Amino acid sequence: MPLHHLQAVDVAKQLLKLQQNLLLAAKAQNWQLLRGLDRQLMTLIQQLDLAGAREQFSTQLSALQQSYQQVLTLAKDELHRTETQMKQFNQNRPGVLAYKQTIEGEGL
C-alpha cells in the first residue's frame, strides 16, 4: 500500500540522509556512528515492510544498496590496513624487546 504523499516525501528524505551519512561515517572511519545509522536504516526498512510500501521506494533503496557496497569496501580496506599494521607490529616486536633489554642492561 503506497504511503501518502507527505509521508512518502519524508521517508525519501530520511533514506537520502541515511545514504549520505553512511558514506560520510565510513569515510571518517566512525564505526560507532556507522552502526547507529545501520540500525536506523534497518528500522526504517522494517517500517516500510510493515506498511507494504517497500516497492514504492525501490529506486532509493537501490541507491542505498550501492552506497552500502561502498561502505563495505571502505570497511574491508580499513580492516586489511589494520591487519597489515598488526602483522608488522608483531614482526618488529622481538627486535623492540631485544633493544629494550639492551638499553636496560646498559643502565640508560
PDB file of N, CA and C in Angstrom:
ATOM      1  N   MET A   1       0.846  -1.170   0.000  1.00  0.00           N
ATOM      2  CA  MET A   1       0.000   0.000   0.000  1.00  0.00           C
ATOM      3  C   MET A   1       0.897   1.241   0.000  1.00  0.00           C
ATOM      4  N   PRO A   2       0.762   2.101  -0.996  1.00  0.00           N
ATOM      5  CA  PRO A   2       1.611   3.294  -1.059  1.00  0.00           C
ATOM      6  C   PRO A   2       1.345   4.240   0.107  1.00  0.00           C
ATOM      7  N   LEU A   3       2.400   4.903   0.533  1.00  0.00           N
ATOM      8  CA  LEU A   3       2.257   5.898   1.593  1.00  0.00           C
ATOM      9  C   LEU A   3       1.665   7.176   1.009  1.00  0.00           C
ATOM     10  N   HIS A   4       1.041   7.973   1.865  1.00  0.00           N
ATOM     11  CA  HIS A   4       0.537   9.275   1.439  1.00  0.00           C
ATOM     12  C   HIS A   4       1.706  10.127   0.986  1.00  0.00           C
ATOM     13  N   HIS A   5       1.434  11.106   0.172  1.00  0.00           N
ATOM     14  CA  HIS A   5       2.478  11.921  -0.437  1.00  0.00           C
ATOM     15  C   HIS A   5       3.430  12.525   0.602  1.00  0.00           C
ATOM     16  N   LEU A   6       2.890  13.145   1.647  1.00  0.00           N
ATOM     17  CA  LEU A   6       3.758  13.783   2.647  1.00  0.00           C
ATOM     18  C   LEU A   6       4.603  12.744   3.384  1.00  0.00           C
ATOM     19  N   GLN A   7       4.015  11.602   3.685  1.00  0.00           N
ATOM     20  CA  GLN A   7       4.777  10.529   4.326  1.00  0.00           C
ATOM     21  C   GLN A   7       5.867  10.025   3.389  1.00  0.00           C
ATOM     22  N   ALA A   8       5.532   9.874   2.132  1.00  0.00           N
ATOM     23  CA  ALA A   8       6.484   9.376   1.145  1.00  0.00           C
ATOM     24  C   ALA A   8       7.660  10.336   0.988  1.00  0.00           C
ATOM     25  N   VAL A   9       7.376  11.620   0.973  1.00  0.00           N
ATOM     26  CA  VAL A   9       8.437  12.628   0.860  1.00  0.00           C
ATOM     27  C   VAL A   9       9.347  12.554   2.081  1.00  0.00           C
ATOM     28  N   ASP A  10       8.745  12.404   3.262  1.00  0.00           N
ATOM     29  CA  ASP A  10       9.519  12.309   4.496  1.00  0.00           C
ATOM     30  C   ASP A  10      10.418  11.071   4.488  1.00  0.00           C
ATOM     31  N   VAL A  11       9.883   9.935   4.085  1.00  0.00           N
ATOM     32  CA  VAL A  11      10.661   8.692   4.021  1.00  0.00           C
ATOM     33  C   VAL A  11      11.782   8.831   2.997  1.00  0.00           C
ATOM     34  N   ALA A  12      11.485   9.406   1.855  1.00  0.00           N
ATOM     35  CA  ALA A  12      12.510   9.595   0.822  1.00  0.00           C
ATOM     36  C   ALA A  12      13.648  10.472   1.344  1.00  0.00           C
ATOM     37  N   LYS A  13      13.307  11.515   2.086  1.00  0.00           N
ATOM     38  CA  LYS A  13      14.329  12.386   2.679  1.00  0.00           C
ATOM     39  C   LYS A  13      15.163  11.619   3.696  1.00  0.00           C
ATOM     40  N   GLN A  14      14.494  10.804   4.513  1.00  0.00           N
ATOM     41  CA  GLN A  14      15.216  10.008   5.514  1.00  0.00           C
ATOM     42  C   GLN A  14      16.193   9.040   4.847  1.00  0.00           C
ATOM     43  N   LEU A  15      15.739   8.395   3.786  1.00  0.00           N
ATOM     44  CA  LEU A  15      16.597   7.451   3.074  1.00  0.00           C
ATOM     45  C   LEU A  15      17.812   8.152   2.473  1.00  0.00           C
ATOM     46  N   LEU A  16      17.592   9.313   1.866  1.00  0.00           N
ATOM     47  CA  LEU A  16      18.689  10.067   1.270  1.00  0.00           C
ATOM     48  C   LEU A  16      19.676  10.512   2.345  1.00  0.00           C
ATOM     49  N   LYS A  17      19.155  11.002   3.460  1.00  0.00           N
ATOM     50  CA  LYS A  17      20.012  11.457   4.567  1.00  0.00           C
ATOM     51  C   LYS A  17      20.829  10.293   5.122  1.00  0.00           C
ATOM     52  N   LEU A  18      20.192   9.143   5.284  1.00  0.00           N
ATOM     53  CA  LEU A  18      20.907   7.967   5.766  1.00  0.00           C
ATOM     54  C   LEU A  18      22.000   7.551   4.786  1.00  0.00           C
ATOM     55  N   GLN A  19      21.689   7.594   3.513  1.00  0.00           N
ATOM     56  CA  GLN A  19      22.667   7.235   2.485  1.00  0.00           C
ATOM     57  C   GLN A  19      23.891   8.149   2.582  1.00  0.00           C
ATOM     58  N   GLN A  20      23.658   9.441   2.672  1.00  0.00           N
ATOM     59  CA  GLN A  20      24.755  10.403   2.760  1.00  0.00           C
ATOM     60  C   GLN A  20      25.558  10.194   4.043  1.00  0.00           C
ATOM     61  N   ASN A  21      24.864  10.021   5.157  1.00  0.00           N
ATOM     62  CA  ASN A  21      25.540   9.865   6.442  1.00  0.00           C
ATOM     63  C   ASN A  21      26.322   8.557   6.536  1.00  0.00           C
ATOM     64  N   LEU A  22      25.814   7.497   5.914  1.00  0.00           N
ATOM     65  CA  LEU A  22      26.545   6.234   5.903  1.00  0.00           C
ATOM     66  C   LEU A  22      27.905   6.408   5.229  1.00  0.00           C
ATOM     67  N   LEU A  23      27.904   7.063   4.076  1.00  0.00           N
ATOM     68  CA  LEU A  23      29.156   7.278   3.347  1.00  0.00           C
ATOM     69  C   LEU A  23      30.110   8.185   4.123  1.00  0.00           C
ATOM     70  N   LEU A  24      29.571   9.245   4.708  1.00  0.00           N
ATOM     71  CA  LEU A  24      30.417  10.157   5.484  1.00  0.00           C
ATOM     72  C   LEU A  24      31.021   9.457   6.696  1.00  0.00           C
ATOM     73  N   ALA A  25      30.217   8.678   7.395  1.00  0.00           N
ATOM     74  CA  ALA A  25      30.711   7.964   8.580  1.00  0.00           C
ATOM     75  C   ALA A  25      31.790   6.959   8.196  1.00  0.00           C
ATOM     76  N   ALA A  26      31.590   6.265   7.088  1.00  0.00           N
ATOM     77  CA  ALA A  26      32.587   5.278   6.644  1.00  0.00           C
ATOM     78  C   ALA A  26      33.887   5.967   6.243  1.00  0.00           C
ATOM     79  N   LYS A  27      33.784   7.056   5.511  1.00  0.00           N
ATOM     80  CA  LYS A  27      34.987   7.774   5.082  1.00  0.00           C
ATOM     81  C   LYS A  27      35.734   8.354   6.273  1.00  0.00           C
ATOM     82  N   ALA A  28      34.990   8.741   7.319  1.00  0.00           N
ATOM     83  CA  ALA A  28      35.602   9.271   8.534  1.00  0.00           C
ATOM     84  C   ALA A  28      36.045   8.158   9.480  1.00  0.00           C
ATOM     85  N   GLN A  29      35.762   6.930   9.089  1.00  0.00           N
ATOM     86  CA  GLN A  29      36.073   5.744   9.898  1.00  0.00           C
ATOM     87  C   GLN A  29      35.435   5.831  11.285  1.00  0.00           C
ATOM     88  N   ASN A  30      34.233   6.382  11.309  1.00  0.00           N
ATOM     89  CA  ASN A  30      33.465   6.476  12.549  1.00  0.00           C
ATOM     90  C   ASN A  30      32.548   5.253  12.614  1.00  0.00           C
ATOM     91  N   TRP A  31      33.113   4.132  13.064  1.00  0.00           N
ATOM     92  CA  TRP A  31      32.425   2.856  13.009  1.00  0.00           C
ATOM     93  C   TRP A  31      31.236   2.804  13.965  1.00  0.00           C
ATOM     94  N   GLN A  32      31.337   3.486  15.085  1.00  0.00           N
ATOM     95  CA  GLN A  32      30.211   3.500  16.027  1.00  0.00           C
ATOM     96  C   GLN A  32      29.011   4.241  15.429  1.00  0.00           C
ATOM     97  N   LEU A  33      29.256   5.381  14.819  1.00  0.00           N
ATOM     98  CA  LEU A  33      28.181   6.113  14.142  1.00  0.00           C
ATOM     99  C   LEU A  33      27.600   5.263  13.024  1.00  0.00           C
ATOM    100  N   LEU A  34      28.456   4.579  12.307  1.00  0.00           N
ATOM    101  CA  LEU A  34      28.015   3.722  11.207  1.00  0.00           C
ATOM    102  C   LEU A  34      27.066   2.632  11.708  1.00  0.00           C
ATOM    103  N   ARG A  35      27.389   2.031  12.850  1.00  0.00           N
ATOM    104  CA  ARG A  35      26.497   1.022  13.435  1.00  0.00           C
ATOM    105  C   ARG A  35      25.132   1.631  13.771  1.00  0.00           C
ATOM    106  N   GLY A  36      25.136   2.830  14.336  1.00  0.00           N
ATOM    107  CA  GLY A  36      23.880   3.503  14.673  1.00  0.00           C
ATOM    108  C   GLY A  36      23.049   3.806  13.439  1.00  0.00           C
ATOM    109  N   LEU A  37      23.698   4.263  12.390  1.00  0.00           N
ATOM    110  CA  LEU A  37      22.996   4.555  11.135  1.00  0.00           C
ATOM    111  C   LEU A  37      22.437   3.277  10.522  1.00  0.00           C
ATOM    112  N   ASP A  38      23.198   2.205  10.639  1.00  0.00           N
ATOM    113  CA  ASP A  38      22.740   0.914  10.126  1.00  0.00           C
ATOM    114  C   ASP A  38      21.468   0.486  10.855  1.00  0.00           C
ATOM    115  N   ARG A  39      21.447   0.661  12.169  1.00  0.00           N
ATOM    116  CA  ARG A  39      20.235   0.322  12.943  1.00  0.00           C
ATOM    117  C   ARG A  39      19.047   1.191  12.518  1.00  0.00           C
ATOM    118  N   GLN A  40      19.303   2.480  12.311  1.00  0.00           N
ATOM    119  CA  GLN A  40      18.230   3.373  11.859  1.00  0.00           C
ATOM    120  C   GLN A  40      17.672   2.915  10.519  1.00  0.00           C
ATOM    121  N   LEU A  41      18.570   2.549   9.630  1.00  0.00           N
ATOM    122  CA  LEU A  41      18.160   2.106   8.302  1.00  0.00           C
ATOM    123  C   LEU A  41      17.325   0.830   8.396  1.00  0.00           C
ATOM    124  N   MET A  42      17.780  -0.114   9.196  1.00  0.00           N
ATOM    125  CA  MET A  42      17.033  -1.375   9.341  1.00  0.00           C
ATOM    126  C   MET A  42      15.641  -1.118   9.919  1.00  0.00           C
ATOM    127  N   THR A  43      15.543  -0.217  10.879  1.00  0.00           N
ATOM    128  CA  THR A  43      14.250   0.138  11.460  1.00  0.00           C
ATOM    129  C   THR A  43      13.333   0.742  10.410  1.00  0.00           C
ATOM    130  N   LEU A  44      13.872   1.645   9.608  1.00  0.00           N
ATOM    131  CA  LEU A  44      13.080   2.293   8.566  1.00  0.00           C
ATOM    132  C   LEU A  44      12.607   1.274   7.523  1.00  0.00           C
ATOM    133  N   ILE A  45      13.480   0.366   7.144  1.00  0.00           N
ATOM    134  CA  ILE A  45      13.099  -0.655   6.161  1.00  0.00           C
ATOM    135  C   ILE A  45      12.025  -1.574   6.738  1.00  0.00           C
ATOM    136  N   GLN A  46      12.152  -1.924   8.009  1.00  0.00           N
ATOM    137  CA  GLN A  46      11.121  -2.747   8.654  1.00  0.00           C
ATOM    138  C   GLN A  46       9.774  -2.022   8.657  1.00  0.00           C
ATOM    139  N   GLN A  47       9.796  -0.719   8.909  1.00  0.00           N
ATOM    140  CA  GLN A  47       8.561   0.069   8.890  1.00  0.00           C
ATOM    141  C   GLN A  47       7.953   0.079   7.483  1.00  0.00           C
ATOM    142  N   LEU A  48       8.809   0.205   6.477  1.00  0.00           N
ATOM    143  CA  LEU A  48       8.317   0.176   5.099  1.00  0.00           C
ATOM    144  C   LEU A  48       7.703  -1.186   4.778  1.00  0.00           C
ATOM    145  N   ASP A  49       8.355  -2.240   5.239  1.00  0.00           N
ATOM    146  CA  ASP A  49       7.827  -3.589   5.011  1.00  0.00           C
ATOM    147  C   ASP A  49       6.469  -3.762   5.690  1.00  0.00           C
ATOM    148  N   LEU A  50       6.367  -3.299   6.934  1.00  0.00           N
ATOM    149  CA  LEU A  50       5.102  -3.417   7.665  1.00  0.00           C
ATOM    150  C   LEU A  50       3.980  -2.634   6.982  1.00  0.00           C
ATOM    151  N   ALA A  51       4.342  -1.501   6.399  1.00  0.00           N
ATOM    152  CA  ALA A  51       3.353  -0.670   5.708  1.00  0.00           C
ATOM    153  C   ALA A  51       3.094  -1.165   4.286  1.00  0.00           C
ATOM    154  N   GLY A  52       3.876  -2.172   3.857  1.00  0.00           N
ATOM    155  CA  GLY A  52       3.728  -2.672   2.492  1.00  0.00           C
ATOM    156  C   GLY A  52       4.154  -1.652   1.451  1.00  0.00           C
ATOM    157  N   ALA A  53       5.091  -0.798   1.825  1.00  0.00           N
ATOM    158  CA  ALA A  53       5.477   0.309   0.949  1.00  0.00           C
ATOM    159  C   ALA A  53       6.919   0.205   0.452  1.00  0.00           C
ATOM    160  N   ARG A  54       7.534  -0.930   0.638  1.00  0.00           N
ATOM    161  CA  ARG A  54       8.940  -1.062   0.242  1.00  0.00           C
ATOM    162  C   ARG A  54       9.136  -0.846  -1.257  1.00  0.00           C
ATOM    163  N   GLU A  55       8.249  -1.395  -2.055  1.00  0.00           N
ATOM    164  CA  GLU A  55       8.357  -1.271  -3.520  1.00  0.00           C
ATOM    165  C   GLU A  55       8.286   0.190  -3.968  1.00  0.00           C
ATOM    166  N   GLN A  56       7.548   0.984  -3.231  1.00  0.00           N
ATOM    167  CA  GLN A  56       7.386   2.407  -3.551  1.00  0.00           C
ATOM    168  C   GLN A  56       8.734   3.143  -3.513  1.00  0.00           C
ATOM    169  N   PHE A  57       9.685   2.610  -2.753  1.00  0.00           N
ATOM    170  CA  PHE A  57      10.983   3.270  -2.581  1.00  0.00           C
ATOM    171  C   PHE A  57      12.124   2.440  -3.173  1.00  0.00           C
ATOM    172  N   SER A  58      11.785   1.631  -4.160  1.00  0.00           N
ATOM    173  CA  SER A  58      12.790   0.730  -4.731  1.00  0.00           C
ATOM    174  C   SER A  58      13.979   1.492  -5.322  1.00  0.00           C
ATOM    175  N   THR A  59      13.742   2.641  -5.920  1.00  0.00           N
ATOM    176  CA  THR A  59      14.835   3.425  -6.504  1.00  0.00           C
ATOM    177  C   THR A  59      15.783   3.920  -5.419  1.00  0.00           C
ATOM    178  N   GLN A  60      15.220   4.481  -4.348  1.00  0.00           N
ATOM    179  CA  GLN A  60      16.039   4.983  -3.244  1.00  0.00           C
ATOM    180  C   GLN A  60      16.779   3.839  -2.545  1.00  0.00           C
ATOM    181  N   LEU A  61      16.093   2.715  -2.383  1.00  0.00           N
ATOM    182  CA  LEU A  61      16.719   1.574  -1.719  1.00  0.00           C
ATOM    183  C   LEU A  61      17.832   0.973  -2.577  1.00  0.00           C
ATOM    184  N   SER A  62      17.653   1.011  -3.869  1.00  0.00           N
ATOM    185  CA  SER A  62      18.697   0.530  -4.772  1.00  0.00           C
ATOM    186  C   SER A  62      19.938   1.423  -4.671  1.00  0.00           C
ATOM    187  N   ALA A  63      19.735   2.728  -4.632  1.00  0.00           N
ATOM    188  CA  ALA A  63      20.854   3.663  -4.475  1.00  0.00           C
ATOM    189  C   ALA A  63      21.537   3.449  -3.128  1.00  0.00           C
ATOM    190  N   LEU A  64      20.733   3.202  -2.105  1.00  0.00           N
ATOM    191  CA  LEU A  64      21.273   2.941  -0.780  1.00  0.00           C
ATOM    192  C   LEU A  64      22.097   1.660  -0.777  1.00  0.00           C
ATOM    193  N   GLN A  65      21.642   0.667  -1.501  1.00  0.00           N
ATOM    194  CA  GLN A  65      22.365  -0.596  -1.587  1.00  0.00           C
ATOM    195  C   GLN A  65      23.744  -0.374  -2.226  1.00  0.00           C
ATOM    196  N   GLN A  66      23.802   0.464  -3.233  1.00  0.00           N
ATOM    197  CA  GLN A  66      25.083   0.783  -3.866  1.00  0.00           C
ATOM    198  C   GLN A  66      26.008   1.503  -2.887  1.00  0.00           C
ATOM    199  N   SER A  67      25.441   2.425  -2.118  1.00  0.00           N
ATOM    200  CA  SER A  67      26.235   3.124  -1.109  1.00  0.00           C
ATOM    201  C   SER A  67      26.742   2.140  -0.057  1.00  0.00           C
ATOM    202  N   TYR A  68      25.893   1.194   0.303  1.00  0.00           N
ATOM    203  CA  TYR A  68      26.280   0.183   1.277  1.00  0.00           C
ATOM    204  C   TYR A  68      27.474  -0.617   0.770  1.00  0.00           C
ATOM    205  N   GLN A  69      27.485  -0.906  -0.525  1.00  0.00           N
ATOM    206  CA  GLN A  69      28.620  -1.626  -1.102  1.00  0.00           C
ATOM    207  C   GLN A  69      29.897  -0.802  -0.968  1.00  0.00           C
ATOM    208  N   GLN A  70      29.784   0.508  -1.161  1.00  0.00           N
ATOM    209  CA  GLN A  70      30.939   1.385  -0.989  1.00  0.00           C
ATOM    210  C   GLN A  70      31.406   1.367   0.463  1.00  0.00           C
ATOM    211  N   VAL A  71      30.449   1.417   1.385  1.00  0.00           N
ATOM    212  CA  VAL A  71      30.773   1.392   2.810  1.00  0.00           C
ATOM    213  C   VAL A  71      31.493   0.082   3.157  1.00  0.00           C
ATOM    214  N   LEU A  72      30.975  -1.026   2.648  1.00  0.00           N
ATOM    215  CA  LEU A  72      31.611  -2.316   2.909  1.00  0.00           C
ATOM    216  C   LEU A  72      33.030  -2.365   2.349  1.00  0.00           C
ATOM    217  N   THR A  73      33.222  -1.798   1.181  1.00  0.00           N
ATOM    218  CA  THR A  73      34.555  -1.753   0.578  1.00  0.00           C
ATOM    219  C   THR A  73      35.499  -0.932   1.451  1.00  0.00           C
ATOM    220  N   LEU A  74      35.033   0.230   1.918  1.00  0.00           N
ATOM    221  CA  LEU A  74      35.863   1.062   2.788  1.00  0.00           C
ATOM    222  C   LEU A  74      36.194   0.330   4.088  1.00  0.00           C
ATOM    223  N   ALA A  75      35.216  -0.356   4.653  1.00  0.00           N
ATOM    224  CA  ALA A  75      35.436  -1.093   5.903  1.00  0.00           C
ATOM    225  C   ALA A  75      36.423  -2.239   5.692  1.00  0.00           C
ATOM    226  N   LYS A  76      36.289  -2.959   4.584  1.00  0.00           N
ATOM    227  CA  LYS A  76      37.214  -4.054   4.294  1.00  0.00           C
ATOM    228  C   LYS A  76      38.630  -3.534   4.060  1.00  0.00           C
ATOM    229  N   ASP A  77      38.742  -2.395   3.374  1.00  0.00           N
ATOM    230  CA  ASP A  77      40.056  -1.790   3.151  1.00  0.00           C
ATOM    231  C   ASP A  77      40.705  -1.415   4.487  1.00  0.00           C
ATOM    232  N   GLU A  78      39.919  -0.851   5.383  1.00  0.00           N
ATOM    233  CA  GLU A  78      40.436  -0.461   6.698  1.00  0.00           C
ATOM    234  C   GLU A  78      40.835  -1.698   7.501  1.00  0.00           C
ATOM    235  N   LEU A  79      40.040  -2.740   7.429  1.00  0.00           N
ATOM    236  CA  LEU A  79      40.365  -3.983   8.119  1.00  0.00           C
ATOM    237  C   LEU A  79      41.683  -4.554   7.598  1.00  0.00           C
ATOM    238  N   HIS A  80      41.838  -4.555   6.283  1.00  0.00           N
ATOM    239  CA  HIS A  80      43.080  -5.055   5.683  1.00  0.00           C
ATOM    240  C   HIS A  80      44.268  -4.209   6.130  1.00  0.00           C
ATOM    241  N   ARG A  81      44.105  -2.899   6.130  1.00  0.00           N
ATOM    242  CA  ARG A  81      45.182  -1.993   6.547  1.00  0.00           C
ATOM    243  C   ARG A  81      45.557  -2.255   8.003  1.00  0.00           C
ATOM    244  N   THR A  82      44.566  -2.429   8.854  1.00  0.00           N
ATOM    245  CA  THR A  82      44.812  -2.685  10.273  1.00  0.00           C
ATOM    246  C   THR A  82      45.497  -4.033  10.474  1.00  0.00           C
ATOM    247  N   GLU A  83      45.038  -5.045   9.741  1.00  0.00           N
ATOM    248  CA  GLU A  83      45.674  -6.364   9.837  1.00  0.00           C
ATOM    249  C   GLU A  83      47.142  -6.288   9.419  1.00  0.00           C
ATOM    250  N   THR A  84      47.428  -5.545   8.359  1.00  0.00           N
ATOM    251  CA  THR A  84      48.805  -5.386   7.886  1.00  0.00           C
ATOM    252  C   THR A  84      49.649  -4.691   8.944  1.00  0.00           C
ATOM    253  N   GLN A  85      49.114  -3.657   9.573  1.00  0.00           N
ATOM    254  CA  GLN A  85      49.851  -2.951  10.624  1.00  0.00           C
ATOM    255  C   GLN A  85      50.121  -3.873  11.817  1.00  0.00           C
ATOM    256  N   MET A  86      49.134  -4.681  12.184  1.00  0.00           N
ATOM    257  CA  MET A  86      49.317  -5.599  13.307  1.00  0.00           C
ATOM    258  C   MET A  86      50.387  -6.647  12.988  1.00  0.00           C
ATOM    259  N   LYS A  87      50.396  -7.154  11.759  1.00  0.00           N
ATOM    260  CA  LYS A  87      51.421  -8.125  11.365  1.00  0.00           C
ATOM    261  C   LYS A  87      52.809  -7.489  11.451  1.00  0.00           C
ATOM    262  N   GLN A  88      52.917  -6.241  10.958  1.00  0.00           N
ATOM    263  CA  GLN A  88      54.207  -5.547  11.008  1.00  0.00           C
ATOM    264  C   GLN A  88      54.622  -5.315  12.455  1.00  0.00           C
ATOM    265  N   PHE A  89      53.678  -4.944  13.287  1.00  0.00           N
ATOM    266  CA  PHE A  89      53.971  -4.726  14.700  1.00  0.00           C
ATOM    267  C   PHE A  89      54.490  -6.012  15.338  1.00  0.00           C
ATOM    268  N   ASN A  90      53.791  -7.116  15.078  1.00  0.00           N
ATOM    269  CA  ASN A  90      54.192  -8.398  15.660  1.00  0.00           C
ATOM    270  C   ASN A  90      55.539  -8.870  15.122  1.00  0.00           C
ATOM    271  N   GLN A  91      55.848  -8.558  13.865  1.00  0.00           N
ATOM    272  CA  GLN A  91      57.149  -8.926  13.304  1.00  0.00           C
ATOM    273  C   GLN A  91      58.273  -8.105  13.938  1.00  0.00           C
ATOM    274  N   ASN A  92      57.987  -6.844  14.269  1.00  0.00           N
ATOM    275  CA  ASN A  92      59.003  -5.963  14.843  1.00  0.00           C
ATOM    276  C   ASN A  92      59.152  -6.133  16.349  1.00  0.00           C
ATOM    277  N   ARG A  93      58.201  -6.765  16.965  1.00  0.00           N
ATOM    278  CA  ARG A  93      58.170  -6.851  18.431  1.00  0.00           C
ATOM    279  C   ARG A  93      59.416  -7.506  19.024  1.00  0.00           C
ATOM    280  N   PRO A  94      59.888  -8.641  18.504  1.00  0.00           N
ATOM    281  CA  PRO A  94      61.101  -9.235  19.092  1.00  0.00           C
ATOM    282  C   PRO A  94      62.301  -8.290  19.050  1.00  0.00           C
ATOM    283  N   GLY A  95      62.435  -7.553  17.964  1.00  0.00           N
ATOM    284  CA  GLY A  95      63.544  -6.603  17.859  1.00  0.00           C
ATOM    285  C   GLY A  95      63.417  -5.474  18.863  1.00  0.00           C
ATOM    286  N   VAL A  96      62.217  -4.993  19.051  1.00  0.00           N
ATOM    287  CA  VAL A  96      61.975  -3.907  20.012  1.00  0.00           C
ATOM    288  C   VAL A  96      62.269  -4.391  21.424  1.00  0.00           C
ATOM    289  N   LEU A  97      61.819  -5.598  21.753  1.00  0.00           N
ATOM    290  CA  LEU A  97      62.075  -6.151  23.083  1.00  0.00           C
ATOM    291  C   LEU A  97      63.572  -6.352  23.319  1.00  0.00           C
ATOM    292  N   ALA A  98      64.266  -6.854  22.312  1.00  0.00           N
ATOM    293  CA  ALA A  98      65.715  -7.052  22.438  1.00  0.00           C
ATOM    294  C   ALA A  98      66.412  -5.709  22.645  1.00  0.00           C
ATOM    295  N   TYR A  99      65.993  -4.702  21.901  1.00  0.00           N
ATOM    296  CA  TYR A  99      66.573  -3.362  22.044  1.00  0.00           C
ATOM    297  C   TYR A  99      66.319  -2.828  23.446  1.00  0.00           C
ATOM    298  N   LYS A 100      65.109  -3.016  23.936  1.00  0.00           N
ATOM    299  CA  LYS A 100      64.745  -2.549  25.287  1.00  0.00           C
ATOM    300  C   LYS A 100      65.610  -3.240  26.332  1.00  0.00           C
ATOM    301  N   GLN A 101      65.802  -4.538  26.196  1.00  0.00           N
ATOM    302  CA  GLN A 101      66.633  -5.280  27.154  1.00  0.00           C
ATOM    303  C   GLN A 101      68.076  -4.801  27.101  1.00  0.00           C
ATOM    304  N   THR A 102      68.558  -4.490  25.895  1.00  0.00           N
ATOM    305  CA  THR A 102      69.929  -3.999  25.750  1.00  0.00           C
ATOM    306  C   THR A 102      70.087  -2.663  26.455  1.00  0.00           C
ATOM    307  N   ILE A 103      69.138  -1.767  26.238  1.00  0.00           N
ATOM    308  CA  ILE A 103      69.198  -0.441  26.857  1.00  0.00           C
ATOM    309  C   ILE A 103      69.111  -0.549  28.379  1.00  0.00           C
ATOM    310  N   GLU A 104      68.177  -1.381  28.856  1.00  0.00           N
ATOM    311  CA  GLU A 104      68.018  -1.557  30.301  1.00  0.00           C
ATOM    312  C   GLU A 104      69.281  -2.185  30.911  1.00  0.00           C
ATOM    313  N   GLY A 105      69.884  -3.048  30.155  1.00  0.00           N
ATOM    314  CA  GLY A 105      71.119  -3.699  30.629  1.00  0.00           C
ATOM    315  C   GLY A 105      72.284  -2.740  30.718  1.00  0.00           C
ATOM    316  N   GLU A 106      72.248  -1.692  29.885  1.00  0.00           N
ATOM    317  CA  GLU A 106      73.332  -0.693  29.911  1.00  0.00           C
ATOM    318  C   GLU A 106      73.079   0.384  30.942  1.00  0.00           C
ATOM    319  N   GLY A 107      71.898   0.328  31.586  1.00  0.00           N
ATOM    320  CA  GLY A 107      71.615   1.306  32.623  1.00  0.00           C
ATOM    321  C   GLY A 107      71.264   2.675  32.112  1.00  0.00           C
ATOM    322  N   LEU A 108      70.747   2.764  30.872  1.00  0.00           N
ATOM    323  CA  LEU A 108      70.360   4.059  30.311  1.00  0.00           C
ATOM    324  C   LEU A 108      68.984   4.456  30.705  1.00  0.00           C
TER     325      LEU A 108
END
